[in-house]
């Protein structure tokens, strides 16, 4: 192999490692944050760049007065995103609503995933239809109440595309202790 080819091979190897393994290049921008009921912790979602296939988010827990940060989850593909966070009333758990479908519930004492719950099982649509929004925990943190919304897809001849129509909205509540964990893909 001549020196030109050797240089190209080395350059490609270095660039591959540079582009895939350099998390130190990532810049995080906080897009959502919610303080715990006692005010000692903050759960937040950041958007990180560079990002090839967005929205590229990270779920964080910041503890204590010095706000020591613990990354809970990195959502790297375009099919997972978070747009809602809620704390349990006692502040022992925090939940992130992923894709308006899955609830990732974390135990804050160990910064570990406690349970993942599919709030609207049976749908494989992307984005999900129906979907969940406006979730909250009850007083004893054993049930989750949320709004489930479902639209019909109707073809609009004037716009020459499908539109969402005839919304059905329902308030639902599930017992998270009885709900089994759900296979939700790579975590």
C-alpha atoms as a PDB file:
ATOM      1  CA  UNK A   1       0.000   0.000   0.000  1.00  0.00           C
ATOM      2  CA  UNK A   2       1.465   3.340  -0.944  1.00  0.00           C
ATOM      3  CA  UNK A   3       1.749   6.210   1.530  1.00  0.00           C
ATOM      4  CA  UNK A   4      -1.203   8.088  -0.024  1.00  0.00           C
ATOM      5  CA  UNK A   5      -3.582   5.142   0.543  1.00  0.00           C
ATOM      6  CA  UNK A   6      -2.188   4.553   4.022  1.00  0.00           C
ATOM      7  CA  UNK A   7      -2.816   8.207   4.883  1.00  0.00           C
ATOM      8  CA  UNK A   8      -6.406   7.996   3.581  1.00  0.00           C
ATOM      9  CA  UNK A   9      -7.107   4.826   5.592  1.00  0.00           C
ATOM     10  CA  UNK A  10      -5.733   6.404   8.767  1.00  0.00           C
ATOM     11  CA  UNK A  11      -7.726   9.575   8.103  1.00  0.00           C
ATOM     12  CA  UNK A  12     -10.985   7.616   7.658  1.00  0.00           C
ATOM     13  CA  UNK A  13     -10.357   5.636  10.852  1.00  0.00           C
ATOM     14  CA  UNK A  14      -9.661   8.800  12.811  1.00  0.00           C
ATOM     15  CA  UNK A  15     -12.719  10.588  11.397  1.00  0.00           C
ATOM     16  CA  UNK A  16     -14.962   7.596  12.201  1.00  0.00           C
ATOM     17  CA  UNK A  17     -13.758   7.587  15.793  1.00  0.00           C
ATOM     18  CA  UNK A  18     -14.049  11.343  15.966  1.00  0.00           C
ATOM     19  CA  UNK A  19     -17.641  11.425  14.738  1.00  0.00           C
ATOM     20  CA  UNK A  20     -18.935   8.463  16.749  1.00  0.00           C
ATOM     21  CA  UNK A  21     -17.031   8.584  20.006  1.00  0.00           C
ATOM     22  CA  UNK A  22     -16.581  12.224  20.857  1.00  0.00           C
ATOM     23  CA  UNK A  23     -19.357  12.970  23.311  1.00  0.00           C
ATOM     24  CA  UNK A  24     -17.202  15.807  24.616  1.00  0.00           C
ATOM     25  CA  UNK A  25     -18.241  17.729  21.491  1.00  0.00           C
ATOM     26  CA  UNK A  26     -21.907  17.616  22.468  1.00  0.00           C
ATOM     27  CA  UNK A  27     -23.551  20.823  23.601  1.00  0.00           C
ATOM     28  CA  UNK A  28     -26.687  20.517  25.722  1.00  0.00           C
ATOM     29  CA  UNK A  29     -29.501  23.060  25.746  1.00  0.00           C
ATOM     30  CA  UNK A  30     -32.227  22.684  28.387  1.00  0.00           C
ATOM     31  CA  UNK A  31     -35.647  22.622  26.745  1.00  0.00           C
ATOM     32  CA  UNK A  32     -37.800  21.479  29.686  1.00  0.00           C
ATOM     33  CA  UNK A  33     -37.258  21.362  33.442  1.00  0.00           C
ATOM     34  CA  UNK A  34     -39.435  20.694  36.476  1.00  0.00           C
ATOM     35  CA  UNK A  35     -38.417  21.139  40.126  1.00  0.00           C
ATOM     36  CA  UNK A  36     -39.235  18.428  42.678  1.00  0.00           C
ATOM     37  CA  UNK A  37     -41.973  19.111  45.271  1.00  0.00           C
ATOM     38  CA  UNK A  38     -39.370  19.743  48.009  1.00  0.00           C
ATOM     39  CA  UNK A  39     -37.271  21.974  45.740  1.00  0.00           C
ATOM     40  CA  UNK A  40     -34.075  19.913  46.180  1.00  0.00           C
ATOM     41  CA  UNK A  41     -33.978  18.309  42.722  1.00  0.00           C
ATOM     42  CA  UNK A  42     -34.663  19.236  39.126  1.00  0.00           C
ATOM     43  CA  UNK A  43     -35.621  16.855  36.327  1.00  0.00           C
ATOM     44  CA  UNK A  44     -34.881  18.175  32.883  1.00  0.00           C
ATOM     45  CA  UNK A  45     -34.707  17.372  29.192  1.00  0.00           C
ATOM     46  CA  UNK A  46     -31.877  18.722  27.102  1.00  0.00           C
ATOM     47  CA  UNK A  47     -31.400  18.837  23.378  1.00  0.00           C
ATOM     48  CA  UNK A  48     -27.864  17.988  22.346  1.00  0.00           C
ATOM     49  CA  UNK A  49     -25.865  18.881  19.273  1.00  0.00           C
ATOM     50  CA  UNK A  50     -24.314  17.814  17.011  1.00  0.00           C
ATOM     51  CA  UNK A  51     -27.221  15.584  16.075  1.00  0.00           C
ATOM     52  CA  UNK A  52     -27.704  13.595  12.896  1.00  0.00           C
ATOM     53  CA  UNK A  53     -31.265  12.272  13.353  1.00  0.00           C
ATOM     54  CA  UNK A  54     -33.115  14.416  15.895  1.00  0.00           C
ATOM     55  CA  UNK A  55     -34.621  15.432  18.212  1.00  0.00           C
ATOM     56  CA  UNK A  56     -31.591  14.011  20.145  1.00  0.00           C
ATOM     57  CA  UNK A  57     -32.544  14.495  23.779  1.00  0.00           C
ATOM     58  CA  UNK A  58     -31.164  13.526  27.176  1.00  0.00           C
ATOM     59  CA  UNK A  59     -33.130  13.014  30.378  1.00  0.00           C
ATOM     60  CA  UNK A  60     -31.362  14.412  33.455  1.00  0.00           C
ATOM     61  CA  UNK A  61     -31.766  14.495  37.215  1.00  0.00           C
ATOM     62  CA  UNK A  62     -29.988  17.298  39.075  1.00  0.00           C
ATOM     63  CA  UNK A  63     -29.652  16.643  42.809  1.00  0.00           C
ATOM     64  CA  UNK A  64     -28.834  18.752  45.845  1.00  0.00           C
ATOM     65  CA  UNK A  65     -27.748  22.333  46.352  1.00  0.00           C
ATOM     66  CA  UNK A  66     -24.775  21.917  44.029  1.00  0.00           C
ATOM     67  CA  UNK A  67     -27.129  20.367  41.441  1.00  0.00           C
ATOM     68  CA  UNK A  68     -25.005  17.284  40.749  1.00  0.00           C
ATOM     69  CA  UNK A  69     -26.223  16.055  37.357  1.00  0.00           C
ATOM     70  CA  UNK A  70     -27.024  12.433  36.551  1.00  0.00           C
ATOM     71  CA  UNK A  71     -27.957  11.509  32.987  1.00  0.00           C
ATOM     72  CA  UNK A  72     -30.843   9.045  33.143  1.00  0.00           C
ATOM     73  CA  UNK A  73     -31.362   8.341  29.437  1.00  0.00           C
ATOM     74  CA  UNK A  74     -30.117   9.394  26.018  1.00  0.00           C
ATOM     75  CA  UNK A  75     -32.822   9.443  23.336  1.00  0.00           C
ATOM     76  CA  UNK A  76     -30.807   9.374  20.124  1.00  0.00           C
ATOM     77  CA  UNK A  77     -33.244   8.458  17.406  1.00  0.00           C
ATOM     78  CA  UNK A  78     -36.045  10.438  15.818  1.00  0.00           C
ATOM     79  CA  UNK A  79     -38.735   8.112  17.112  1.00  0.00           C
ATOM     80  CA  UNK A  80     -38.241   8.919  20.808  1.00  0.00           C
ATOM     81  CA  UNK A  81     -38.698  12.321  22.391  1.00  0.00           C
ATOM     82  CA  UNK A  82     -39.908  13.755  25.674  1.00  0.00           C
ATOM     83  CA  UNK A  83     -42.217  16.718  26.111  1.00  0.00           C
ATOM     84  CA  UNK A  84     -43.645  16.236  29.620  1.00  0.00           C
ATOM     85  CA  UNK A  85     -42.165  15.643  33.082  1.00  0.00           C
ATOM     86  CA  UNK A  86     -44.024  15.077  36.368  1.00  0.00           C
ATOM     87  CA  UNK A  87     -42.894  14.336  39.910  1.00  0.00           C
ATOM     88  CA  UNK A  88     -44.772  12.097  42.311  1.00  0.00           C
ATOM     89  CA  UNK A  89     -46.267  14.147  45.166  1.00  0.00           C
ATOM     90  CA  UNK A  90     -43.748  12.674  47.638  1.00  0.00           C
ATOM     91  CA  UNK A  91     -40.830  13.484  45.292  1.00  0.00           C
ATOM     92  CA  UNK A  92     -39.453   9.928  45.381  1.00  0.00           C
ATOM     93  CA  UNK A  93     -40.049   9.305  41.670  1.00  0.00           C
ATOM     94  CA  UNK A  94     -40.057  11.347  38.494  1.00  0.00           C
ATOM     95  CA  UNK A  95     -41.707  10.382  35.211  1.00  0.00           C
ATOM     96  CA  UNK A  96     -40.949  11.405  31.650  1.00  0.00           C
ATOM     97  CA  UNK A  97     -43.576  11.001  28.922  1.00  0.00           C
ATOM     98  CA  UNK A  98     -41.809   9.565  25.865  1.00  0.00           C
ATOM     99  CA  UNK A  99     -43.409   9.796  22.405  1.00  0.00           C
ATOM    100  CA  UNK A 100     -46.716  10.730  24.095  1.00  0.00           C
ATOM    101  CA  UNK A 101     -47.090   7.000  24.679  1.00  0.00           C
ATOM    102  CA  UNK A 102     -44.579   5.566  27.149  1.00  0.00           C
ATOM    103  CA  UNK A 103     -44.023   6.641  30.719  1.00  0.00           C
ATOM    104  CA  UNK A 104     -40.459   6.177  31.997  1.00  0.00           C
ATOM    105  CA  UNK A 105     -40.657   6.292  35.784  1.00  0.00           C
ATOM    106  CA  UNK A 106     -37.364   6.752  37.660  1.00  0.00           C
ATOM    107  CA  UNK A 107     -36.577   6.151  41.320  1.00  0.00           C
ATOM    108  CA  UNK A 108     -34.625   9.277  42.250  1.00  0.00           C
ATOM    109  CA  UNK A 109     -32.776   7.770  45.212  1.00  0.00           C
ATOM    110  CA  UNK A 110     -30.816   5.455  42.924  1.00  0.00           C
ATOM    111  CA  UNK A 111     -31.337   7.342  39.640  1.00  0.00           C
ATOM    112  CA  UNK A 112     -32.585   4.066  38.157  1.00  0.00           C
ATOM    113  CA  UNK A 113     -35.468   3.219  35.842  1.00  0.00           C
ATOM    114  CA  UNK A 114     -38.228   1.922  38.140  1.00  0.00           C
ATOM    115  CA  UNK A 115     -40.780   1.059  35.474  1.00  0.00           C
ATOM    116  CA  UNK A 116     -41.747   1.774  31.898  1.00  0.00           C
ATOM    117  CA  UNK A 117     -45.457   1.807  31.145  1.00  0.00           C
ATOM    118  CA  UNK A 118     -47.237   1.882  27.784  1.00  0.00           C
ATOM    119  CA  UNK A 119     -50.110   4.272  28.447  1.00  0.00           C
ATOM    120  CA  UNK A 120     -51.846   3.587  25.125  1.00  0.00           C
ATOM    121  CA  UNK A 121     -51.125  -0.066  24.327  1.00  0.00           C
ATOM    122  CA  UNK A 122     -52.028  -1.585  21.013  1.00  0.00           C
ATOM    123  CA  UNK A 123     -50.924   1.251  18.775  1.00  0.00           C
ATOM    124  CA  UNK A 124     -47.760   1.014  16.703  1.00  0.00           C
ATOM    125  CA  UNK A 125     -48.372   4.221  14.745  1.00  0.00           C
ATOM    126  CA  UNK A 126     -45.676   6.843  14.509  1.00  0.00           C
ATOM    127  CA  UNK A 127     -46.397   9.331  15.812  1.00  0.00           C
ATOM    128  CA  UNK A 128     -48.781   7.429  18.066  1.00  0.00           C
ATOM    129  CA  UNK A 129     -52.516   7.730  17.580  1.00  0.00           C
ATOM    130  CA  UNK A 130     -54.070   7.746  20.138  1.00  0.00           C
ATOM    131  CA  UNK A 131     -51.612   9.532  22.398  1.00  0.00           C
ATOM    132  CA  UNK A 132     -51.330  10.567  26.024  1.00  0.00           C
ATOM    133  CA  UNK A 133     -50.825  14.075  27.424  1.00  0.00           C
ATOM    134  CA  UNK A 134     -51.293  16.044  30.653  1.00  0.00           C
ATOM    135  CA  UNK A 135     -50.388  13.199  32.988  1.00  0.00           C
ATOM    136  CA  UNK A 136     -50.198  13.442  36.771  1.00  0.00           C
ATOM    137  CA  UNK A 137     -49.830  11.129  39.760  1.00  0.00           C
ATOM    138  CA  UNK A 138     -52.491  10.737  42.430  1.00  0.00           C
ATOM    139  CA  UNK A 139     -51.739  11.623  46.077  1.00  0.00           C
ATOM    140  CA  UNK A 140     -50.237   8.215  46.978  1.00  0.00           C
ATOM    141  CA  UNK A 141     -48.202   8.018  43.720  1.00  0.00           C
ATOM    142  CA  UNK A 142     -49.740   4.676  42.749  1.00  0.00           C
ATOM    143  CA  UNK A 143     -51.950   5.840  39.895  1.00  0.00           C
ATOM    144  CA  UNK A 144     -51.389   7.997  36.838  1.00  0.00           C
ATOM    145  CA  UNK A 145     -54.145  10.092  35.332  1.00  0.00           C
ATOM    146  CA  UNK A 146     -53.769  11.319  31.748  1.00  0.00           C
ATOM    147  CA  UNK A 147     -55.679  12.584  28.756  1.00  0.00           C
ATOM    148  CA  UNK A 148     -55.924  10.220  25.815  1.00  0.00           C
ATOM    149  CA  UNK A 149     -56.627  11.833  22.466  1.00  0.00           C
ATOM    150  CA  UNK A 150     -57.369  10.048  19.214  1.00  0.00           C
ATOM    151  CA  UNK A 151     -58.054  11.527  15.791  1.00  0.00           C
ATOM    152  CA  UNK A 152     -59.490  10.063  12.632  1.00  0.00           C
ATOM    153  CA  UNK A 153     -57.375  10.574   9.553  1.00  0.00           C
ATOM    154  CA  UNK A 154     -59.566  12.047   6.808  1.00  0.00           C
ATOM    155  CA  UNK A 155     -58.449  12.915   3.292  1.00  0.00           C
ATOM    156  CA  UNK A 156     -58.962  16.618   2.543  1.00  0.00           C
ATOM    157  CA  UNK A 157     -59.542  17.067  -1.199  1.00  0.00           C
ATOM    158  CA  UNK A 158     -58.833  20.817  -1.084  1.00  0.00           C
ATOM    159  CA  UNK A 159     -55.471  20.361   0.646  1.00  0.00           C
ATOM    160  CA  UNK A 160     -54.724  17.081  -1.171  1.00  0.00           C
ATOM    161  CA  UNK A 161     -53.557  15.375   2.018  1.00  0.00           C
ATOM    162  CA  UNK A 162     -54.745  13.579   5.111  1.00  0.00           C
ATOM    163  CA  UNK A 163     -55.755  15.712   8.090  1.00  0.00           C
ATOM    164  CA  UNK A 164     -56.691  14.881  11.661  1.00  0.00           C
ATOM    165  CA  UNK A 165     -60.419  15.186  12.321  1.00  0.00           C
ATOM    166  CA  UNK A 166     -63.133  14.184  14.780  1.00  0.00           C
ATOM    167  CA  UNK A 167     -61.048  14.119  17.963  1.00  0.00           C
ATOM    168  CA  UNK A 168     -62.049  11.736  20.727  1.00  0.00           C
ATOM    169  CA  UNK A 169     -60.742  12.845  24.118  1.00  0.00           C
ATOM    170  CA  UNK A 170     -60.926  10.715  27.238  1.00  0.00           C
ATOM    171  CA  UNK A 171     -59.494  11.059  30.739  1.00  0.00           C
ATOM    172  CA  UNK A 172     -57.957   7.746  31.845  1.00  0.00           C
ATOM    173  CA  UNK A 173     -56.323   6.499  35.006  1.00  0.00           C
ATOM    174  CA  UNK A 174     -54.091   3.447  35.431  1.00  0.00           C
ATOM    175  CA  UNK A 175     -52.615   1.777  38.465  1.00  0.00           C
ATOM    176  CA  UNK A 176     -48.867   1.725  37.806  1.00  0.00           C
ATOM    177  CA  UNK A 177     -48.218  -0.954  40.412  1.00  0.00           C
ATOM    178  CA  UNK A 178     -50.485  -3.421  38.586  1.00  0.00           C
ATOM    179  CA  UNK A 179     -49.344  -2.394  35.100  1.00  0.00           C
ATOM    180  CA  UNK A 180     -46.603  -4.647  33.804  1.00  0.00           C
ATOM    181  CA  UNK A 181     -43.405  -3.333  32.322  1.00  0.00           C
ATOM    182  CA  UNK A 182     -43.571  -2.846  28.598  1.00  0.00           C
ATOM    183  CA  UNK A 183     -41.002  -3.743  25.951  1.00  0.00           C
ATOM    184  CA  UNK A 184     -40.224  -0.339  24.457  1.00  0.00           C
ATOM    185  CA  UNK A 185     -37.076  -0.922  22.466  1.00  0.00           C
ATOM    186  CA  UNK A 186     -33.514  -0.075  23.357  1.00  0.00           C
ATOM    187  CA  UNK A 187     -33.022   1.741  26.619  1.00  0.00           C
END
